[in-house]
Protein backbone atom coordinates (compact mmCIF):
# COMPACT_ATOMS: atom_id res chain seq x y z
CA MET A 1 24.16 -11.30 -29.71
CA THR A 2 24.29 -7.86 -31.36
CA CYS A 3 24.76 -4.58 -29.51
CA LYS A 4 21.18 -3.61 -30.39
CA SER A 5 19.67 -6.79 -28.98
CA THR A 6 21.83 -6.48 -25.84
CA PHE A 7 20.62 -2.92 -25.35
CA LEU A 8 16.98 -3.95 -25.83
CA ASN A 9 17.37 -6.81 -23.36
CA ARG A 10 18.85 -4.48 -20.76
CA CYS A 11 16.06 -1.96 -21.31
CA ASP A 12 13.52 -4.76 -20.91
CA GLN A 13 15.18 -5.91 -17.69
CA LEU A 14 15.30 -2.38 -16.28
CA SER A 15 11.66 -1.74 -17.15
CA GLY A 16 10.80 -4.99 -15.39
CA GLU A 17 12.70 -3.94 -12.25
CA LEU A 18 11.04 -0.51 -12.32
CA SER A 19 7.59 -1.96 -12.84
CA GLY A 20 8.12 -4.66 -10.22
CA ALA A 21 9.42 -2.12 -7.69
CA PHE A 22 5.97 -0.54 -7.42
CA ALA A 23 3.83 -3.58 -8.23
CA ASP A 24 2.85 -4.10 -4.58
CA LEU A 25 1.31 -0.63 -4.13
CA GLY A 26 -2.14 -2.18 -3.86
CA THR A 27 -1.15 -3.61 -0.48
CA PHE A 28 1.21 -0.84 0.54
CA LEU A 29 -0.51 2.46 -0.20
CA PRO A 30 -4.03 1.91 1.21
CA LEU A 31 -2.66 0.96 4.63
CA VAL A 32 0.13 3.54 4.71
CA LEU A 33 -2.04 6.39 3.46
CA GLY A 34 -4.79 5.31 5.83
CA LEU A 35 -2.42 5.65 8.79
CA ILE A 36 -1.38 9.10 7.58
CA ALA A 37 -4.72 10.49 6.43
CA LEU A 38 -7.09 8.94 8.97
CA ASN A 39 -4.88 8.53 12.05
CA HIS A 40 -2.64 11.53 11.35
CA PHE A 41 0.57 9.57 11.91
CA SER A 42 3.89 10.97 10.79
CA PRO A 43 4.51 10.22 7.08
CA GLN A 44 8.21 10.97 7.58
CA GLY A 45 8.66 8.22 10.14
CA ILE A 46 6.58 5.69 8.20
CA PHE A 47 8.28 6.24 4.83
CA LEU A 48 11.74 6.45 6.42
CA GLY A 49 11.14 3.03 8.01
CA PHE A 50 10.13 1.45 4.72
CA GLY A 51 13.03 3.08 2.88
CA LEU A 52 15.71 1.87 5.29
CA PHE A 53 14.20 -1.62 5.57
CA ALA A 54 13.97 -1.93 1.77
CA LEU A 55 17.59 -0.84 1.20
CA PHE A 56 18.81 -3.28 3.86
CA THR A 57 16.71 -6.06 2.26
CA ALA A 58 18.15 -5.32 -1.19
CA PHE A 59 21.69 -5.62 0.21
CA TYR A 60 20.92 -8.65 2.41
CA TYR A 61 19.03 -10.85 -0.07
CA ARG A 62 20.14 -9.46 -3.47
CA ARG A 63 16.69 -10.38 -4.77
CA PRO A 64 13.30 -8.56 -4.90
CA ILE A 65 12.10 -9.57 -1.44
CA PRO A 66 9.16 -7.21 -0.76
CA ILE A 67 8.52 -4.91 2.19
CA GLN A 68 4.93 -4.54 3.41
CA PRO A 69 3.02 -3.16 6.38
CA MET A 70 1.83 -5.83 8.81
CA LYS A 71 -1.75 -5.93 7.55
CA VAL A 72 -3.63 -6.91 10.70
CA ILE A 73 -1.83 -4.35 12.87
CA ALA A 74 -2.25 -1.51 10.35
CA ALA A 75 -5.90 -2.32 9.67
CA LEU A 76 -6.79 -2.50 13.38
CA VAL A 77 -4.93 0.74 14.15
CA ILE A 78 -6.85 2.50 11.36
CA ALA A 79 -10.24 0.98 12.16
CA GLN A 80 -10.05 1.58 15.93
CA GLY A 81 -8.21 4.90 15.87
CA LEU A 82 -5.35 3.63 18.03
CA THR A 83 -2.39 5.76 19.09
CA PRO A 84 1.08 6.07 17.53
CA GLY A 85 2.50 4.63 20.78
CA MET A 86 0.48 1.43 20.35
CA LEU A 87 1.70 1.10 16.77
CA GLN A 88 5.31 1.56 17.91
CA ALA A 89 4.91 -0.91 20.77
CA SER A 90 3.40 -3.55 18.50
CA GLY A 91 6.28 -3.19 16.03
CA MET A 92 8.93 -3.57 18.73
CA MET A 93 7.17 -6.56 20.31
CA MET A 94 6.84 -8.28 16.93
CA GLY A 95 10.54 -7.64 16.36
CA ILE A 96 11.51 -9.25 19.67
CA ILE A 97 9.25 -12.26 19.08
CA LEU A 98 10.61 -12.86 15.58
CA LEU A 99 14.21 -12.67 16.78
CA VAL A 100 13.55 -15.07 19.65
CA LEU A 101 11.86 -17.55 17.29
CA ALA A 102 14.70 -17.22 14.77
CA TYR A 103 17.59 -17.74 17.16
CA SER A 104 15.92 -20.37 19.34
CA GLY A 105 15.40 -22.56 16.28
CA ALA A 106 11.63 -22.58 16.80
CA ILE A 107 10.87 -20.98 13.42
CA THR A 108 12.99 -23.60 11.61
CA TRP A 109 11.13 -26.38 13.42
CA MET A 110 7.77 -24.82 12.53
CA ALA A 111 8.73 -24.54 8.87
CA LYS A 112 9.59 -28.25 8.75
CA GLN A 113 6.11 -29.13 9.99
CA LEU A 114 4.52 -27.40 7.02
CA SER A 115 4.19 -29.45 3.86
CA PRO A 116 3.91 -27.58 0.54
CA ALA A 117 0.16 -28.30 0.56
CA VAL A 118 -0.34 -26.46 3.87
CA SER A 119 1.73 -23.50 2.66
CA ILE A 120 -0.23 -23.35 -0.61
CA GLY A 121 -3.50 -23.51 1.33
CA ILE A 122 -2.49 -20.52 3.44
CA GLN A 123 -1.42 -18.63 0.31
CA LEU A 124 -4.77 -19.46 -1.33
CA ALA A 125 -6.69 -18.06 1.65
CA ILE A 126 -4.62 -14.88 1.79
CA GLY A 127 -4.88 -14.48 -1.98
CA LEU A 128 -8.68 -14.73 -1.87
CA GLN A 129 -8.78 -12.19 0.96
CA LEU A 130 -6.67 -9.79 -1.10
CA ILE A 131 -8.98 -10.24 -4.09
CA TRP A 132 -12.00 -9.53 -1.88
CA MET A 133 -10.37 -6.42 -0.39
CA GLY A 134 -9.40 -5.25 -3.88
CA GLY A 135 -12.97 -5.69 -5.07
CA GLN A 136 -14.27 -3.56 -2.19
CA MET A 137 -11.77 -0.82 -3.03
CA MET A 138 -12.93 -0.91 -6.66
CA SER A 139 -16.64 -0.79 -5.76
CA GLU A 140 -17.13 3.00 -5.93
CA THR A 141 -15.65 3.36 -9.42
CA TRP A 142 -15.96 -0.10 -10.98
CA LEU A 143 -15.09 1.09 -14.48
CA ILE A 144 -11.63 2.33 -13.45
CA GLY A 145 -10.91 -0.65 -11.24
CA ILE A 146 -12.03 -3.35 -13.66
CA SER A 147 -10.34 -1.63 -16.62
CA ALA A 148 -7.05 -1.44 -14.71
CA PHE A 149 -7.37 -5.08 -13.62
CA ILE A 150 -8.00 -6.25 -17.21
CA ILE A 151 -5.02 -4.26 -18.53
CA LEU A 152 -2.69 -5.56 -15.82
CA PHE A 153 -3.89 -9.15 -16.18
CA ALA A 154 -3.74 -9.10 -20.00
CA SER A 155 -0.26 -7.56 -19.94
CA ASN A 156 1.08 -10.94 -18.83
CA PHE A 157 0.53 -12.20 -22.38
CA LEU A 158 2.01 -9.16 -24.15
CA PRO A 159 5.65 -8.48 -25.13
CA LEU A 160 5.84 -5.16 -23.24
CA ARG A 161 4.03 -6.36 -20.13
CA TYR A 162 6.44 -4.55 -17.78
CA LEU A 163 5.23 -1.18 -19.06
CA ALA A 164 1.65 -1.86 -17.96
CA MET A 165 2.19 -0.87 -14.33
CA PRO A 166 3.57 2.68 -14.87
CA LEU A 167 1.07 3.20 -17.70
CA VAL A 168 -1.90 2.29 -15.52
CA LEU A 169 -0.66 4.49 -12.67
CA ALA A 170 -0.20 7.45 -15.01
CA LEU A 171 -3.63 6.98 -16.62
CA GLY A 172 -5.23 6.67 -13.19
CA ILE A 173 -3.76 9.97 -12.00
CA VAL A 174 -4.80 11.71 -15.25
CA TRP A 175 -8.34 10.35 -14.83
CA GLN A 176 -8.48 11.56 -11.22
CA ILE A 177 -7.39 15.06 -12.26
CA ASN A 178 -9.97 15.30 -15.06
CA SER A 179 -12.85 13.56 -13.30
CA GLY A 180 -13.61 16.35 -10.86
CA MET A 181 -14.06 13.78 -8.09
CA ALA A 182 -12.60 14.34 -4.64
CA PRO A 183 -9.28 12.56 -4.03
CA SER A 184 -9.42 9.16 -2.33
CA PHE A 185 -7.11 10.40 0.44
CA ASP A 186 -7.02 13.77 2.21
CA LEU A 187 -3.31 14.21 2.87
CA SER A 188 -1.63 17.24 4.36
CA GLY A 189 1.95 18.26 3.68
CA ASP A 190 2.14 20.02 7.06
CA THR A 191 2.77 17.17 9.50
CA SER A 192 5.08 16.73 12.45
CA TRP A 193 7.39 13.81 13.14
CA HIS A 194 6.20 11.69 16.05
CA LEU A 195 9.14 10.83 18.28
CA SER A 196 7.94 9.38 21.56
CA TRP A 197 8.08 6.23 23.69
CA PRO A 198 5.01 4.04 24.33
CA SER A 199 3.46 4.20 27.79
CA ILE A 200 2.91 1.11 29.96
CA ASP A 201 -0.79 1.07 29.01
CA GLU A 202 0.09 1.25 25.31
CA TRP A 203 2.48 -1.72 25.66
CA THR A 204 -0.10 -3.91 27.37
CA SER A 205 -2.95 -2.88 25.04
CA ALA A 206 -0.84 -3.45 21.94
CA ALA A 207 0.10 -6.96 23.07
CA GLY A 208 -3.50 -8.15 23.21
CA LEU A 209 -5.16 -6.02 20.53
CA LEU A 210 -2.44 -6.02 17.84
CA VAL A 211 0.42 -8.47 18.36
CA LEU A 212 -1.52 -11.67 19.04
CA PRO A 213 -3.88 -11.29 16.01
CA GLN A 214 -0.91 -10.47 13.74
CA LEU A 215 1.48 -13.20 14.87
CA ALA A 216 0.01 -16.21 13.06
CA LEU A 217 -0.25 -14.33 9.75
CA THR A 218 3.32 -13.06 10.03
CA LEU A 219 4.80 -16.48 10.81
CA THR A 220 2.98 -18.15 7.93
CA ASN A 221 2.82 -15.56 5.14
CA ALA A 222 5.77 -13.30 5.94
CA VAL A 223 8.25 -15.98 7.01
CA ILE A 224 7.38 -19.57 6.05
CA ALA A 225 5.32 -19.06 2.87
CA ILE A 226 7.65 -16.46 1.36
CA SER A 227 10.62 -18.69 2.19
CA ALA A 228 9.08 -21.47 0.10
CA MET A 229 8.07 -19.12 -2.72
CA ALA A 230 11.43 -17.33 -2.94
CA SER A 231 13.27 -20.66 -2.95
CA GLU A 232 11.06 -21.83 -5.81
CA LYS A 233 11.50 -18.68 -7.89
CA PHE A 234 15.24 -18.29 -7.21
CA PRO A 235 16.48 -21.86 -6.58
CA GLU A 236 20.11 -20.89 -7.11
CA ASP A 237 19.87 -18.63 -4.02
CA LYS A 238 17.54 -20.70 -1.86
CA GLU A 239 20.03 -20.82 1.03
CA LYS A 240 19.42 -17.08 1.45
CA PHE A 241 15.69 -17.49 2.00
CA THR A 242 15.55 -19.68 5.07
CA PRO A 243 12.76 -18.93 7.57
CA LYS A 244 15.45 -17.99 10.13
CA ARG A 245 16.93 -15.29 7.88
CA LEU A 246 13.52 -13.87 6.95
CA ALA A 247 12.41 -13.77 10.58
CA THR A 248 15.72 -12.15 11.54
CA SER A 249 15.54 -9.36 8.95
CA SER A 250 11.93 -8.53 9.84
CA GLY A 251 12.67 -8.74 13.55
CA LEU A 252 15.65 -6.39 13.42
CA ALA A 253 13.84 -3.88 11.22
CA ASN A 254 10.85 -3.62 13.55
CA LEU A 255 12.88 -3.52 16.74
CA LEU A 256 15.23 -0.80 15.48
CA LEU A 257 12.90 1.36 13.35
CA ALA A 258 9.61 1.36 15.27
CA PRO A 259 10.99 3.80 17.91
CA PHE A 260 11.46 6.36 15.11
CA GLY A 261 7.86 6.24 13.95
CA ALA A 262 7.95 3.32 11.49
CA THR A 263 4.87 1.12 11.26
CA ALA A 264 5.13 -2.63 11.87
CA MET A 265 6.68 -4.13 8.72
CA CYS A 266 7.34 -7.55 7.25
CA HIS A 267 8.04 -9.45 4.05
CA GLY A 268 5.14 -11.06 2.22
CA ALA A 269 4.46 -13.88 -0.23
CA GLY A 270 1.78 -11.87 -2.03
CA GLY A 271 4.20 -9.02 -2.63
CA LEU A 272 6.82 -11.36 -4.06
CA ALA A 273 4.24 -12.95 -6.34
CA VAL A 274 3.11 -9.68 -7.87
CA GLN A 275 6.59 -8.12 -8.05
CA TYR A 276 7.95 -11.18 -9.84
CA HIS A 277 4.92 -11.15 -12.14
CA PHE A 278 5.74 -7.61 -13.29
CA GLY A 279 9.43 -8.27 -13.88
CA ALA A 280 11.40 -7.81 -10.64
CA ARG A 281 14.31 -10.26 -10.57
CA THR A 282 17.17 -8.59 -8.68
CA TRP A 283 18.03 -6.20 -5.84
CA VAL A 284 17.43 -3.27 -8.21
CA ALA A 285 13.64 -3.35 -7.75
CA THR A 286 13.87 -3.26 -3.95
CA THR A 287 16.49 -0.49 -4.14
CA ILE A 288 14.24 1.63 -6.36
CA PHE A 289 11.35 1.19 -3.94
CA GLY A 290 13.49 1.97 -0.89
CA THR A 291 15.04 5.05 -2.49
CA ALA A 292 11.59 6.36 -3.44
CA CYS A 293 10.39 5.91 0.16
CA LEU A 294 13.45 7.74 1.54
CA LEU A 295 12.94 10.64 -0.86
CA ILE A 296 9.27 10.91 0.13
CA ALA A 297 10.28 10.96 3.81
CA LEU A 298 12.97 13.60 3.34
CA LEU A 299 11.03 15.81 0.90
CA TRP A 300 7.54 15.40 2.36
CA GLY A 301 5.35 18.44 1.73
CA ASP A 302 2.22 19.61 -0.05
CA GLY A 303 3.55 18.59 -3.47
CA ILE A 304 4.17 14.94 -2.59
CA ALA A 305 0.98 14.78 -0.54
CA SER A 306 -1.04 16.08 -3.51
CA ILE A 307 0.49 13.56 -5.94
CA LEU A 308 -0.19 10.58 -3.65
CA SER A 309 -3.75 11.72 -3.03
CA LEU A 310 -4.40 11.64 -6.79
CA ILE A 311 -3.95 7.86 -7.06
CA PRO A 312 -7.53 6.51 -7.37
CA LEU A 313 -8.58 4.02 -4.70
CA ALA A 314 -10.08 1.80 -7.41
CA LEU A 315 -6.69 1.57 -9.11
CA LEU A 316 -5.08 0.47 -5.84
CA GLY A 317 -7.86 -2.10 -5.55
CA SER A 318 -7.01 -3.52 -8.96
CA LEU A 319 -3.34 -3.87 -7.91
CA LEU A 320 -4.43 -5.63 -4.74
CA ALA A 321 -6.66 -8.01 -6.70
CA ILE A 322 -3.79 -8.79 -9.09
CA ALA A 323 -1.54 -9.57 -6.12
CA GLY A 324 -4.24 -11.85 -4.71
CA THR A 325 -4.65 -13.65 -8.02
CA GLN A 326 -0.93 -14.32 -8.30
CA LEU A 327 -0.72 -15.54 -4.71
CA ALA A 328 -3.83 -17.76 -4.82
CA TRP A 329 -2.90 -19.70 -7.94
CA SER A 330 -0.64 -22.75 -7.82
CA LYS A 331 0.19 -25.44 -10.36
CA ARG A 332 -0.70 -27.96 -7.64
CA PHE A 333 -4.36 -27.39 -8.56
CA ILE A 334 -3.56 -29.10 -11.88
CA ASP A 335 -0.93 -31.73 -11.08
CA GLY A 336 -1.50 -32.29 -7.34
CA LYS A 337 -2.72 -35.61 -5.94
CA PRO A 338 -6.30 -35.74 -4.56
CA PHE A 339 -5.23 -35.71 -0.90
CA CYS A 340 -2.83 -32.84 -1.56
CA ILE A 341 -5.66 -30.76 -3.05
CA PHE A 342 -7.90 -31.76 -0.13
CA VAL A 343 -5.30 -30.43 2.35
CA ILE A 344 -4.93 -27.20 0.35
CA LEU A 345 -8.67 -26.55 0.24
CA SER A 346 -9.24 -27.57 3.87
CA THR A 347 -6.43 -25.32 5.11
CA ALA A 348 -7.68 -22.39 3.04
CA ALA A 349 -11.29 -22.88 4.13
CA ILE A 350 -10.46 -22.87 7.85
CA CYS A 351 -8.19 -19.84 7.38
CA LEU A 352 -11.11 -17.96 5.82
CA ILE A 353 -13.84 -19.21 8.16
CA VAL A 354 -11.90 -19.02 11.47
CA ASN A 355 -8.40 -17.52 11.19
CA THR A 356 -4.92 -18.25 9.89
CA ALA A 357 -3.76 -19.97 13.08
CA ALA A 358 -6.70 -22.40 12.97
CA GLY A 359 -6.11 -23.11 9.28
CA LEU A 360 -2.44 -23.78 9.96
CA ALA A 361 -3.34 -26.21 12.77
CA VAL A 362 -5.87 -28.09 10.61
CA GLY A 363 -3.40 -28.42 7.73
CA VAL A 364 -0.62 -29.71 10.00
CA ILE A 365 -2.98 -32.24 11.64
CA LEU A 366 -4.14 -33.54 8.25
CA GLU A 367 -0.54 -33.95 7.09
CA MET A 368 0.42 -35.72 10.34
CA GLY A 369 -2.53 -38.08 9.85
CA ARG A 370 -1.41 -38.80 6.30
CA ARG A 371 2.12 -39.64 7.47
CA GLN A 372 0.83 -41.93 10.21
CA TRP A 373 -1.44 -43.70 7.72
CA LYS A 374 1.47 -44.27 5.34
CA GLN A 375 3.58 -45.72 8.14
CA VAL A 376 0.79 -48.08 9.26
CA THR A 377 0.14 -49.18 5.67
CA HIS A 378 3.85 -49.78 5.12
CA LEU A 379 4.11 -51.91 8.28
CA ARG A 380 1.14 -54.02 7.26
CA HIS A 381 2.81 -54.86 4.00
């Protein structure tokens, strides 16, 4: 290999890490900026939490394991105007629960009950939900959203696909500046850092309103599903991605960082899918993301607030839809056996119609029935 080809390969790898580092913004920014702009939470505490968690994750896993807000908690806090104390309490309670499940062995047992078909069904449901949410975010300016989605999707078949992400972000900001439209987010650089301790009422309210609805999604998507996906994408390091380790890292991060104003955080299969799609392969991508979050926390002011407010909501929607597409698709739809596909579709349908916990239960019951049927058939013969 010549020096020129080696240099080009390294440039291609670095562009992939850079592009992959920010590929999950469609999930990250709408929830984070919503907490800051609508609920007036401290951006310093939120971005500091993500930065420290991301740098720890880069060191701990040495692969691009993503960092995301816990979607149900963040969405409910935004929609219902809940307090910073409730957000902190929910993060600490989720941290304690995850650590208990990890070190009691319960999370390992739960992971063994899930066949690949059940995991794929849950991923399909979450992927479709992300696509739907992305479409809603694109609805006000369809032209921008659909154009960005087409560019990002088509880039998968182009030699310089890793450059699509920064290009689309740059074009989106330029469009926002020249369009004359109001920014999607009204952010202020003059904010205070919330350092407080939740009250008794905030603890009890957070347990019922936030923790219970979030728990099933976290255990499936942010622990079990991402464990399976990371092991598939990086088989040489699969011992690093056990459900116990993923539950432990999320648990520690929430327990230690929530008191300083961080939102509830987790890993996520959708984030890994889209980051891998855009070229993230090593710890470099997660380090870039974490460093950017730390710089935003430390240098927060009118300048950073203005830049973030210029990212069009429709563009974030296109990123979210891309993440959903990557998560929803599986090769099992092509080569899977009929009963396997039936379990996938049944699990996904119940997740969408009822909730993730119900879909998980239905999938496990179907798989248990299949195993019992095989045993009975074997005994008869």
